[in-house]
Amino acid sequence: MKTTGENTSFAGNGIEKLLHAISLPESKAAKTAGTFKGKIVSAKTGARVFGVVVELVGTGLTYITSPSGYFKMTEVPEGIYLVKFSFPGFKEVTEAIAILNGEPLDMTLALEVGE
């Protein structure tokens, strides 16, 4: 699995960032919503993968990637989430993400072929 992101993604050794974000004090202002978008590609071929289920675990928010491998979730409430990526024939991936200050989160995920 390879990930890249323009904003905060907590893949790999980014647990320190996740812990820092969790420990941030709550704002008294209303929480803002953001956008979570990106594309899913095959780690083996680099081809975009159509039909990947992108799920923000425990929220009921899901999306299926378009024929060009893209997904876009809008109006995602500010917070820290686990996001699960699944598609038959590929290894399922779960990552932590943060939607903060209404900032969009854009990522690319390379799914590895399952065994």
N, C-alpha and C. Protein backbone atom coordinates (compact mmCIF):
# COMPACT_ATOMS: atom_id res chain seq x y z
N MET A 1 0.84 -1.17 0.00
CA MET A 1 0.00 0.00 0.00
C MET A 1 0.88 1.22 0.00
N LYS A 2 0.56 2.15 -0.88
CA LYS A 2 1.27 3.42 -0.92
C LYS A 2 0.23 4.51 -0.84
N THR A 3 0.51 5.55 -0.07
CA THR A 3 -0.42 6.66 0.00
C THR A 3 0.34 7.95 -0.16
N THR A 4 -0.33 8.92 -0.73
CA THR A 4 0.21 10.27 -0.77
C THR A 4 -0.95 11.19 -0.45
N GLY A 5 -0.69 12.31 0.15
CA GLY A 5 -1.78 13.23 0.45
C GLY A 5 -1.29 14.65 0.48
N GLU A 6 -2.16 15.54 0.04
CA GLU A 6 -1.82 16.94 0.11
C GLU A 6 -2.03 17.48 1.52
N ASN A 7 -2.90 16.84 2.26
CA ASN A 7 -3.17 17.22 3.64
C ASN A 7 -2.78 16.08 4.55
N THR A 8 -3.21 16.12 5.77
CA THR A 8 -2.82 15.13 6.77
C THR A 8 -3.45 13.77 6.48
N SER A 9 -2.63 12.74 6.33
CA SER A 9 -3.04 11.35 6.29
C SER A 9 -2.16 10.64 7.29
N PHE A 10 -2.72 9.74 8.06
CA PHE A 10 -1.98 9.13 9.14
C PHE A 10 -1.53 7.72 8.77
N ALA A 11 -0.97 7.57 7.57
CA ALA A 11 -0.46 6.28 7.14
C ALA A 11 0.95 6.09 7.69
N GLY A 12 1.34 4.83 7.84
CA GLY A 12 2.70 4.53 8.24
C GLY A 12 3.00 4.99 9.64
N ASN A 13 4.09 5.74 9.81
CA ASN A 13 4.54 6.14 11.14
C ASN A 13 3.97 7.49 11.58
N GLY A 14 2.85 7.91 11.03
CA GLY A 14 2.26 9.20 11.39
C GLY A 14 1.43 9.16 12.65
N ILE A 15 1.60 8.14 13.48
CA ILE A 15 0.80 8.01 14.70
C ILE A 15 0.99 9.22 15.62
N GLU A 16 2.20 9.81 15.58
CA GLU A 16 2.43 10.99 16.42
C GLU A 16 1.49 12.12 16.01
N LYS A 17 1.28 12.29 14.70
CA LYS A 17 0.36 13.33 14.22
C LYS A 17 -1.06 13.04 14.67
N LEU A 18 -1.45 11.76 14.59
CA LEU A 18 -2.79 11.38 15.00
C LEU A 18 -3.00 11.68 16.48
N LEU A 19 -2.04 11.30 17.32
CA LEU A 19 -2.16 11.55 18.74
C LEU A 19 -2.21 13.04 19.05
N HIS A 20 -1.42 13.82 18.31
CA HIS A 20 -1.43 15.27 18.49
C HIS A 20 -2.81 15.84 18.12
N ALA A 21 -3.35 15.38 16.99
CA ALA A 21 -4.65 15.89 16.55
C ALA A 21 -5.75 15.53 17.54
N ILE A 22 -5.68 14.33 18.09
CA ILE A 22 -6.68 13.90 19.06
C ILE A 22 -6.62 14.76 20.31
N SER A 23 -5.41 15.20 20.68
CA SER A 23 -5.24 15.94 21.92
C SER A 23 -5.51 17.43 21.77
N LEU A 24 -5.85 17.90 20.56
CA LEU A 24 -6.13 19.31 20.38
C LEU A 24 -7.38 19.69 21.17
N PRO A 25 -7.38 20.86 21.81
CA PRO A 25 -8.57 21.26 22.57
C PRO A 25 -9.76 21.51 21.67
N GLU A 26 -10.92 21.22 22.16
CA GLU A 26 -12.15 21.46 21.41
C GLU A 26 -12.41 22.95 21.29
N SER A 27 -12.82 23.36 20.14
CA SER A 27 -13.18 24.75 19.91
C SER A 27 -14.62 24.95 20.34
N LYS A 28 -14.92 26.13 20.85
CA LYS A 28 -16.30 26.43 21.24
C LYS A 28 -17.14 26.79 20.03
N ALA A 29 -16.45 27.09 18.90
CA ALA A 29 -17.17 27.41 17.67
C ALA A 29 -17.73 26.12 17.08
N ALA A 30 -18.72 26.29 16.22
CA ALA A 30 -19.31 25.13 15.57
C ALA A 30 -18.26 24.44 14.70
N LYS A 31 -18.31 23.12 14.69
CA LYS A 31 -17.37 22.38 13.87
C LYS A 31 -17.73 22.57 12.41
N THR A 32 -16.70 22.58 11.57
CA THR A 32 -16.91 22.78 10.15
C THR A 32 -16.81 21.46 9.40
N ALA A 33 -17.37 21.44 8.22
CA ALA A 33 -17.33 20.24 7.39
C ALA A 33 -16.28 20.43 6.31
N GLY A 34 -15.75 19.32 5.86
CA GLY A 34 -14.72 19.35 4.82
C GLY A 34 -15.03 18.35 3.72
N THR A 35 -14.09 18.21 2.81
CA THR A 35 -14.22 17.31 1.69
C THR A 35 -13.10 16.28 1.74
N PHE A 36 -13.42 15.02 1.51
CA PHE A 36 -12.45 13.93 1.44
C PHE A 36 -12.55 13.36 0.04
N LYS A 37 -11.46 13.47 -0.72
CA LYS A 37 -11.49 13.00 -2.10
C LYS A 37 -10.15 12.36 -2.46
N GLY A 38 -10.14 11.70 -3.58
CA GLY A 38 -8.90 11.10 -4.03
C GLY A 38 -9.13 10.13 -5.16
N LYS A 39 -8.06 9.34 -5.42
CA LYS A 39 -8.17 8.32 -6.45
C LYS A 39 -7.52 7.04 -5.95
N ILE A 40 -8.01 5.93 -6.48
CA ILE A 40 -7.52 4.61 -6.12
C ILE A 40 -6.91 3.98 -7.36
N VAL A 41 -5.68 3.49 -7.21
CA VAL A 41 -4.98 2.84 -8.32
C VAL A 41 -4.48 1.47 -7.88
N SER A 42 -4.18 0.64 -8.85
CA SER A 42 -3.58 -0.66 -8.60
C SER A 42 -2.09 -0.46 -8.35
N ALA A 43 -1.57 -1.01 -7.25
CA ALA A 43 -0.14 -0.89 -6.95
C ALA A 43 0.69 -1.63 -7.99
N LYS A 44 0.11 -2.67 -8.58
CA LYS A 44 0.85 -3.49 -9.55
C LYS A 44 0.94 -2.83 -10.92
N THR A 45 -0.17 -2.26 -11.38
CA THR A 45 -0.21 -1.74 -12.75
C THR A 45 -0.28 -0.22 -12.84
N GLY A 46 -0.71 0.42 -11.76
CA GLY A 46 -0.91 1.86 -11.78
C GLY A 46 -2.25 2.28 -12.37
N ALA A 47 -3.02 1.29 -12.85
CA ALA A 47 -4.33 1.59 -13.43
C ALA A 47 -5.30 2.01 -12.34
N ARG A 48 -6.19 2.92 -12.67
CA ARG A 48 -7.21 3.34 -11.71
C ARG A 48 -8.21 2.22 -11.53
N VAL A 49 -8.74 2.10 -10.29
CA VAL A 49 -9.63 1.00 -9.95
C VAL A 49 -11.05 1.52 -9.76
N PHE A 50 -11.95 1.01 -10.59
CA PHE A 50 -13.37 1.37 -10.56
C PHE A 50 -14.12 0.44 -9.62
N GLY A 51 -15.00 0.99 -8.78
CA GLY A 51 -15.87 0.18 -7.94
C GLY A 51 -15.36 -0.08 -6.54
N VAL A 52 -14.28 0.58 -6.13
CA VAL A 52 -13.76 0.41 -4.77
C VAL A 52 -14.74 1.06 -3.80
N VAL A 53 -15.07 0.35 -2.74
CA VAL A 53 -15.95 0.90 -1.71
C VAL A 53 -15.08 1.67 -0.72
N VAL A 54 -15.38 2.95 -0.56
CA VAL A 54 -14.68 3.84 0.38
C VAL A 54 -15.68 4.12 1.49
N GLU A 55 -15.36 3.69 2.71
CA GLU A 55 -16.30 3.81 3.83
C GLU A 55 -15.66 4.52 5.01
N LEU A 56 -16.32 5.57 5.51
CA LEU A 56 -15.90 6.19 6.77
C LEU A 56 -16.56 5.35 7.86
N VAL A 57 -15.76 4.53 8.50
CA VAL A 57 -16.25 3.53 9.45
C VAL A 57 -17.09 4.18 10.55
N GLY A 58 -18.26 3.61 10.79
CA GLY A 58 -19.14 4.05 11.87
C GLY A 58 -19.97 5.29 11.58
N THR A 59 -19.88 5.83 10.36
CA THR A 59 -20.64 7.04 10.06
C THR A 59 -21.79 6.82 9.10
N GLY A 60 -21.78 5.71 8.39
CA GLY A 60 -22.78 5.48 7.36
C GLY A 60 -22.42 6.15 6.05
N LEU A 61 -21.30 6.87 6.00
CA LEU A 61 -20.87 7.53 4.77
C LEU A 61 -20.03 6.56 3.95
N THR A 62 -20.50 6.27 2.73
CA THR A 62 -19.77 5.41 1.82
C THR A 62 -19.81 6.01 0.42
N TYR A 63 -18.84 5.59 -0.39
CA TYR A 63 -18.78 6.04 -1.77
C TYR A 63 -18.15 4.93 -2.57
N ILE A 64 -18.52 4.80 -3.82
CA ILE A 64 -17.90 3.83 -4.72
C ILE A 64 -17.16 4.62 -5.79
N THR A 65 -15.90 4.25 -6.03
CA THR A 65 -15.10 5.01 -6.99
C THR A 65 -15.71 4.97 -8.38
N SER A 66 -15.52 6.05 -9.09
CA SER A 66 -16.04 6.22 -10.45
C SER A 66 -15.22 5.38 -11.43
N PRO A 67 -15.66 5.29 -12.69
CA PRO A 67 -14.88 4.54 -13.69
C PRO A 67 -13.44 5.05 -13.84
N SER A 68 -13.19 6.28 -13.45
CA SER A 68 -11.82 6.81 -13.52
C SER A 68 -11.07 6.64 -12.20
N GLY A 69 -11.66 5.91 -11.24
CA GLY A 69 -10.99 5.61 -9.98
C GLY A 69 -11.08 6.68 -8.92
N TYR A 70 -11.90 7.71 -9.15
CA TYR A 70 -11.99 8.82 -8.20
C TYR A 70 -13.16 8.67 -7.24
N PHE A 71 -13.02 9.29 -6.08
CA PHE A 71 -14.12 9.38 -5.12
C PHE A 71 -14.10 10.79 -4.53
N LYS A 72 -15.27 11.24 -4.07
CA LYS A 72 -15.35 12.56 -3.44
C LYS A 72 -16.52 12.55 -2.47
N MET A 73 -16.21 12.77 -1.18
CA MET A 73 -17.23 12.89 -0.14
C MET A 73 -17.23 14.34 0.31
N THR A 74 -18.38 14.98 0.23
CA THR A 74 -18.49 16.38 0.64
C THR A 74 -19.25 16.46 1.96
N GLU A 75 -19.15 17.58 2.61
CA GLU A 75 -19.85 17.84 3.87
C GLU A 75 -19.51 16.80 4.95
N VAL A 76 -18.24 16.37 4.98
CA VAL A 76 -17.80 15.44 6.01
C VAL A 76 -17.56 16.26 7.28
N PRO A 77 -18.22 15.94 8.37
CA PRO A 77 -18.02 16.70 9.61
C PRO A 77 -16.57 16.64 10.07
N GLU A 78 -16.11 17.72 10.66
CA GLU A 78 -14.74 17.77 11.17
C GLU A 78 -14.53 16.64 12.18
N GLY A 79 -13.40 15.98 12.08
CA GLY A 79 -13.10 14.91 13.02
C GLY A 79 -12.03 13.98 12.49
N ILE A 80 -11.75 12.96 13.27
CA ILE A 80 -10.78 11.94 12.91
C ILE A 80 -11.55 10.66 12.64
N TYR A 81 -11.25 10.02 11.53
CA TYR A 81 -12.01 8.86 11.08
C TYR A 81 -11.09 7.72 10.68
N LEU A 82 -11.64 6.52 10.74
CA LEU A 82 -11.04 5.38 10.08
C LEU A 82 -11.76 5.25 8.75
N VAL A 83 -11.00 5.09 7.69
CA VAL A 83 -11.59 4.91 6.37
C VAL A 83 -11.14 3.57 5.83
N LYS A 84 -12.12 2.80 5.34
CA LYS A 84 -11.83 1.47 4.83
C LYS A 84 -12.03 1.47 3.31
N PHE A 85 -11.04 0.90 2.61
CA PHE A 85 -11.07 0.77 1.16
C PHE A 85 -11.14 -0.72 0.85
N SER A 86 -12.16 -1.15 0.10
CA SER A 86 -12.28 -2.58 -0.19
C SER A 86 -12.78 -2.80 -1.62
N PHE A 87 -12.22 -3.87 -2.22
CA PHE A 87 -12.61 -4.27 -3.57
C PHE A 87 -12.17 -5.71 -3.77
N PRO A 88 -13.04 -6.57 -4.31
CA PRO A 88 -12.66 -7.97 -4.51
C PRO A 88 -11.39 -8.10 -5.35
N GLY A 89 -10.50 -8.97 -4.90
CA GLY A 89 -9.25 -9.19 -5.60
C GLY A 89 -8.10 -8.35 -5.11
N PHE A 90 -8.40 -7.37 -4.23
CA PHE A 90 -7.37 -6.50 -3.66
C PHE A 90 -7.39 -6.63 -2.14
N LYS A 91 -6.26 -6.35 -1.51
CA LYS A 91 -6.19 -6.36 -0.06
C LYS A 91 -6.98 -5.17 0.49
N GLU A 92 -7.80 -5.43 1.51
CA GLU A 92 -8.54 -4.35 2.17
C GLU A 92 -7.56 -3.48 2.95
N VAL A 93 -7.79 -2.17 2.91
CA VAL A 93 -6.93 -1.21 3.60
C VAL A 93 -7.79 -0.35 4.51
N THR A 94 -7.32 -0.13 5.75
CA THR A 94 -7.98 0.79 6.67
C THR A 94 -6.94 1.79 7.14
N GLU A 95 -7.26 3.07 7.05
CA GLU A 95 -6.36 4.14 7.46
C GLU A 95 -7.09 5.17 8.29
N ALA A 96 -6.35 5.89 9.12
CA ALA A 96 -6.91 7.01 9.87
C ALA A 96 -6.70 8.28 9.07
N ILE A 97 -7.73 9.12 9.03
CA ILE A 97 -7.64 10.41 8.37
C ILE A 97 -8.19 11.48 9.32
N ALA A 98 -7.87 12.73 9.03
CA ALA A 98 -8.40 13.85 9.81
C ALA A 98 -8.98 14.89 8.87
N ILE A 99 -10.20 15.29 9.15
CA ILE A 99 -10.85 16.40 8.46
C ILE A 99 -10.84 17.54 9.47
N LEU A 100 -10.04 18.56 9.22
CA LEU A 100 -9.86 19.65 10.18
C LEU A 100 -10.08 21.00 9.53
N ASN A 101 -10.74 21.89 10.25
CA ASN A 101 -10.93 23.29 9.84
C ASN A 101 -11.55 23.45 8.46
N GLY A 102 -12.36 22.49 8.04
CA GLY A 102 -13.02 22.58 6.75
C GLY A 102 -12.08 22.40 5.57
N GLU A 103 -10.83 22.02 5.84
CA GLU A 103 -9.85 21.84 4.78
C GLU A 103 -10.14 20.57 4.00
N PRO A 104 -9.98 20.60 2.66
CA PRO A 104 -10.16 19.38 1.89
C PRO A 104 -8.98 18.43 2.09
N LEU A 105 -9.25 17.14 2.08
CA LEU A 105 -8.22 16.12 2.16
C LEU A 105 -8.23 15.36 0.84
N ASP A 106 -7.11 15.37 0.14
CA ASP A 106 -6.98 14.74 -1.16
C ASP A 106 -5.89 13.68 -1.06
N MET A 107 -6.20 12.43 -1.42
CA MET A 107 -5.20 11.38 -1.31
C MET A 107 -5.24 10.45 -2.51
N THR A 108 -4.13 9.78 -2.72
CA THR A 108 -4.03 8.71 -3.71
C THR A 108 -3.65 7.45 -2.95
N LEU A 109 -4.35 6.38 -3.23
CA LEU A 109 -4.09 5.11 -2.55
C LEU A 109 -3.82 4.05 -3.60
N ALA A 110 -2.72 3.33 -3.44
CA ALA A 110 -2.38 2.22 -4.32
C ALA A 110 -2.74 0.92 -3.61
N LEU A 111 -3.74 0.23 -4.13
CA LEU A 111 -4.17 -1.04 -3.54
C LEU A 111 -3.34 -2.19 -4.09
N GLU A 112 -2.95 -3.09 -3.19
CA GLU A 112 -2.18 -4.26 -3.58
C GLU A 112 -3.12 -5.42 -3.89
N VAL A 113 -2.75 -6.22 -4.88
CA VAL A 113 -3.53 -7.38 -5.25
C VAL A 113 -3.55 -8.36 -4.09
N GLY A 114 -4.72 -8.92 -3.80
CA GLY A 114 -4.87 -9.89 -2.72
C GLY A 114 -4.27 -11.23 -3.11
N GLU A 115 -4.03 -12.03 -2.11
CA GLU A 115 -3.44 -13.35 -2.36
C GLU A 115 -4.47 -14.44 -2.31
